[in-house]
Amino acid sequence: MAVHITDDCINCSACETECPEHAIMPKLNNPASAGGDAKRPKFLNNLYMAKYYQSFDHYYVIPSKCSECSNVYSEPRCNAVCPVSCCITGTEKEMKESISTKVKIEIVSLNKICLN
């Protein structure tokens, strides 16, 4: 299991500095630097993000590094210090389903735009 940072993130960096595992990474400002292409439709870049759990909009957690602070603390440190409570715990499957739903919404939105 790992912590997931929701879209409510305000990019304050409190979680990143508090993480003992260094599993929290800052947002990706340049899609090309993440293997994405700024000229490509947004949903294709989202497919890349879904594969690697990265975000162009806010901080993200590397699931393989996150221990949910279970070896030291009673709750994840990121969750304790987050001012907007956007650090949530959940299984990898739940995270993939959440990201997959967002990607499907992007595809439907793009199809509607293209058909109009």
Protein backbone atom coordinates (compact mmCIF):
# COMPACT_ATOMS: atom_id res chain seq x y z
CA MET A 1 0.00 0.00 0.00
CA ALA A 2 1.02 3.58 -0.52
CA VAL A 3 -0.18 7.10 0.04
CA HIS A 4 -1.90 8.85 -2.86
CA ILE A 5 -2.01 12.63 -3.28
CA THR A 6 -5.34 13.86 -4.61
CA ASP A 7 -6.06 16.74 -6.96
CA ASP A 8 -6.76 18.95 -3.92
CA CYS A 9 -2.99 19.38 -3.49
CA ILE A 10 -1.91 23.04 -3.26
CA ASN A 11 1.81 22.33 -3.90
CA CYS A 12 2.94 23.63 -0.51
CA SER A 13 5.78 21.03 -0.26
CA ALA A 14 5.01 20.20 3.39
CA CYS A 15 4.64 16.51 2.56
CA GLU A 16 7.84 16.31 0.52
CA THR A 17 10.03 17.70 3.28
CA GLU A 18 8.39 15.50 5.93
CA CYS A 19 8.62 12.15 4.08
CA PRO A 20 11.29 9.93 5.73
CA GLU A 21 11.41 7.65 2.66
CA HIS A 22 11.84 10.48 0.12
CA ALA A 23 8.93 8.96 -1.80
CA ILE A 24 7.17 12.24 -2.58
CA MET A 25 8.17 14.08 -5.71
CA PRO A 26 7.28 17.56 -6.96
CA LYS A 27 4.95 18.09 -9.89
CA LEU A 28 6.33 17.78 -13.38
CA ASN A 29 6.32 21.20 -14.98
CA ASN A 30 7.38 20.04 -18.42
CA PRO A 31 5.51 17.11 -20.00
CA ALA A 32 8.46 16.42 -22.32
CA SER A 33 10.74 15.84 -19.31
CA ALA A 34 8.47 13.02 -18.16
CA GLY A 35 8.47 11.21 -21.46
CA GLY A 36 5.34 13.03 -22.47
CA ASP A 37 4.97 15.45 -25.34
CA ALA A 38 3.51 18.91 -24.80
CA LYS A 39 2.15 18.84 -28.37
CA ARG A 40 0.40 15.52 -27.84
CA PRO A 41 -3.28 15.51 -26.71
CA LYS A 42 -3.51 15.79 -22.93
CA PHE A 43 -5.07 12.34 -22.49
CA LEU A 44 -1.98 10.65 -23.98
CA ASN A 45 0.23 12.41 -21.45
CA ASN A 46 -2.25 11.28 -18.77
CA LEU A 47 -1.75 7.67 -19.88
CA TYR A 48 1.98 8.12 -19.21
CA MET A 49 1.24 9.63 -15.80
CA ALA A 50 -1.10 6.74 -14.96
CA LYS A 51 1.68 4.27 -15.72
CA TYR A 52 4.20 6.02 -13.48
CA TYR A 53 1.86 7.69 -10.96
CA GLN A 54 3.22 11.09 -11.89
CA SER A 55 1.37 14.36 -12.02
CA PHE A 56 1.81 17.53 -14.01
CA ASP A 57 -0.42 19.41 -11.57
CA HIS A 58 0.70 18.50 -8.05
CA TYR A 59 3.05 16.43 -5.91
CA TYR A 60 2.93 12.65 -6.33
CA VAL A 61 4.09 9.56 -4.43
CA ILE A 62 6.31 6.77 -5.75
CA PRO A 63 4.40 3.71 -4.45
CA SER A 64 7.42 1.40 -4.37
CA LYS A 65 9.23 3.77 -1.98
CA CYS A 66 6.28 4.63 0.27
CA SER A 67 5.94 2.64 3.50
CA GLU A 68 3.08 4.80 4.84
CA CYS A 69 5.56 5.49 7.68
CA SER A 70 4.42 2.23 9.28
CA ASN A 71 7.95 1.44 10.44
CA VAL A 72 8.27 4.61 12.55
CA TYR A 73 4.99 6.52 12.97
CA SER A 74 1.38 5.65 13.72
CA GLU A 75 0.17 7.49 10.60
CA PRO A 76 1.81 8.71 7.39
CA ARG A 77 3.77 11.92 8.08
CA CYS A 78 2.56 13.51 4.85
CA ASN A 79 -1.02 13.05 6.00
CA ALA A 80 -0.22 14.59 9.39
CA VAL A 81 1.34 17.76 7.95
CA CYS A 82 -0.85 18.32 4.87
CA PRO A 83 -2.86 21.54 5.34
CA VAL A 84 -5.63 20.39 2.95
CA SER A 85 -5.68 16.67 3.87
CA CYS A 86 -5.02 15.50 0.32
CA CYS A 87 -2.62 12.67 1.25
CA ILE A 88 -4.77 9.56 1.42
CA THR A 89 -3.92 5.89 1.88
CA GLY A 90 -5.17 3.14 -0.37
CA THR A 91 -4.14 0.09 -2.25
CA GLU A 92 -2.33 0.30 -5.56
CA LYS A 93 -5.40 -1.16 -7.25
CA GLU A 94 -7.62 1.63 -5.93
CA MET A 95 -5.12 4.22 -7.16
CA LYS A 96 -4.95 2.65 -10.62
CA GLU A 97 -8.74 2.58 -10.81
CA SER A 98 -8.91 6.24 -9.81
CA ILE A 99 -6.34 7.26 -12.40
CA SER A 100 -7.94 5.03 -15.03
CA THR A 101 -11.29 6.76 -14.46
CA LYS A 102 -9.67 10.18 -14.94
CA VAL A 103 -8.05 9.02 -18.19
CA LYS A 104 -11.38 7.69 -19.47
CA ILE A 105 -13.02 11.03 -18.68
CA GLU A 106 -10.27 12.84 -20.62
CA ILE A 107 -10.82 10.56 -23.63
CA VAL A 108 -14.59 11.10 -23.57
CA SER A 109 -14.09 14.87 -23.28
CA LEU A 110 -11.65 14.88 -26.19
CA ASN A 111 -14.04 12.82 -28.32
CA LYS A 112 -16.84 15.30 -27.63
CA ILE A 113 -14.62 18.21 -28.63
CA CYS A 114 -13.50 16.47 -31.83
CA LEU A 115 -17.06 15.55 -32.83
CA ASN A 116 -18.37 19.10 -32.42
